Protein backbone atom coordinates (compact mmCIF):
# COMPACT_ATOMS: atom_id res chain seq x y z
CA MET A 1 -6.35 8.46 -7.04
CA HIS A 2 -7.00 4.67 -6.94
CA TYR A 3 -5.29 1.93 -9.38
CA TYR A 4 -5.67 -1.89 -8.20
CA ALA A 5 -4.54 -5.14 -10.14
CA MET A 6 -7.43 -7.31 -10.94
CA THR A 7 -8.22 -10.42 -12.56
CA PHE A 8 -11.32 -11.79 -14.69
CA VAL A 9 -11.69 -14.51 -17.34
CA PHE A 10 -13.02 -13.87 -20.66
CA ASP A 11 -14.37 -16.38 -22.65
CA PRO A 12 -13.96 -15.18 -26.70
CA LYS A 13 -16.29 -17.78 -27.95
CA SER A 14 -19.17 -17.45 -25.74
CA ARG A 15 -17.96 -13.82 -25.00
CA GLU A 16 -18.85 -14.22 -21.49
CA PHE A 17 -16.60 -13.30 -18.36
CA THR A 18 -16.45 -13.18 -14.60
CA PRO A 19 -16.63 -10.56 -12.27
CA PRO A 20 -13.22 -8.61 -11.90
CA GLU A 21 -11.57 -9.53 -8.42
CA LEU A 22 -9.12 -7.71 -6.67
CA LEU A 23 -5.40 -9.13 -7.08
CA ALA A 24 -3.75 -6.26 -5.08
CA ALA A 25 -3.71 -2.93 -3.84
CA ARG A 26 -0.99 -0.60 -2.82
CA GLY A 27 -0.67 -1.48 0.68
CA ASN A 28 0.01 -4.92 -0.47
CA PHE A 29 3.80 -3.82 -1.37
CA ALA A 30 6.03 -2.76 1.13
CA CYS A 31 8.91 -1.78 -1.00
CA VAL A 32 8.43 2.38 -0.99
CA PRO A 33 7.55 3.72 2.66
CA GLU A 34 4.47 5.38 2.85
CA GLN A 35 5.61 8.67 3.72
CA LYS A 36 7.58 8.70 0.42
CA LEU A 37 4.51 8.36 -1.58
CA ARG A 38 2.57 11.39 -2.34
CA GLY A 39 -1.00 10.09 -0.90
CA ASP A 40 -1.26 7.94 -4.44
CA ASP A 41 -2.74 4.78 -3.99
CA VAL A 42 -1.67 3.32 -7.37
CA LEU A 43 -0.41 0.03 -9.12
CA PHE A 44 0.59 -0.44 -12.59
CA PRO A 45 0.26 -4.49 -13.23
CA ALA A 46 3.01 -5.33 -15.52
CA GLY A 47 2.97 -9.10 -15.48
CA LEU A 48 1.54 -12.51 -13.52
CA GLU A 49 4.18 -15.19 -13.76
CA ARG A 50 2.05 -18.37 -12.87
CA ARG A 51 4.48 -21.33 -10.91
CA GLY A 52 2.48 -24.22 -10.08
CA GLY A 53 -0.01 -23.19 -8.07
CA ARG A 54 1.45 -19.98 -7.07
CA ALA A 55 1.93 -16.97 -8.93
CA VAL A 56 4.20 -13.74 -9.03
CA LEU A 57 2.53 -10.52 -9.77
CA ARG A 58 4.81 -7.68 -10.55
CA CYS A 59 3.47 -3.97 -10.45
CA GLY A 60 4.70 -0.31 -10.86
CA VAL A 61 4.08 1.04 -7.52
CA ALA A 62 3.10 4.60 -7.24
CA ASP A 63 5.53 5.47 -10.23
CA ARG A 64 8.21 4.96 -7.73
CA VAL A 65 9.70 1.40 -7.67
CA ILE A 66 9.08 -1.69 -9.03
CA GLY A 67 7.58 -4.17 -6.88
CA GLU A 68 6.65 -8.13 -6.76
CA LEU A 69 4.13 -9.97 -4.75
CA GLU A 70 3.60 -13.70 -4.46
CA THR A 71 0.04 -15.06 -3.80
CA GLU A 72 -2.01 -17.65 -5.09
CA ASP A 73 -2.71 -18.50 -8.77
CA PRO A 74 -6.17 -16.64 -9.50
CA PHE A 75 -6.86 -18.79 -12.43
CA LEU A 76 -6.26 -22.32 -11.25
CA ARG A 77 -9.97 -22.44 -10.24
CA TYR A 78 -10.93 -21.93 -14.01
CA GLU A 79 -8.38 -24.71 -15.63
């Protein structure tokens, strides 16, 4: 099973959207050692907090813990 955090932008007026882009995968979160996972490569994205050019992604990681990942703001280029 593989679930990832992805982003895209949707314009409700034109009904057009950008291609989805991978934001994070299970391997980006070091909060749970691999041996404690059942081999599931699963993230459950919960939110993205934008912070002036950076962003913090919060995800459930493999049904075990909540993880945070700081990254570049994926939406800046569309503003």
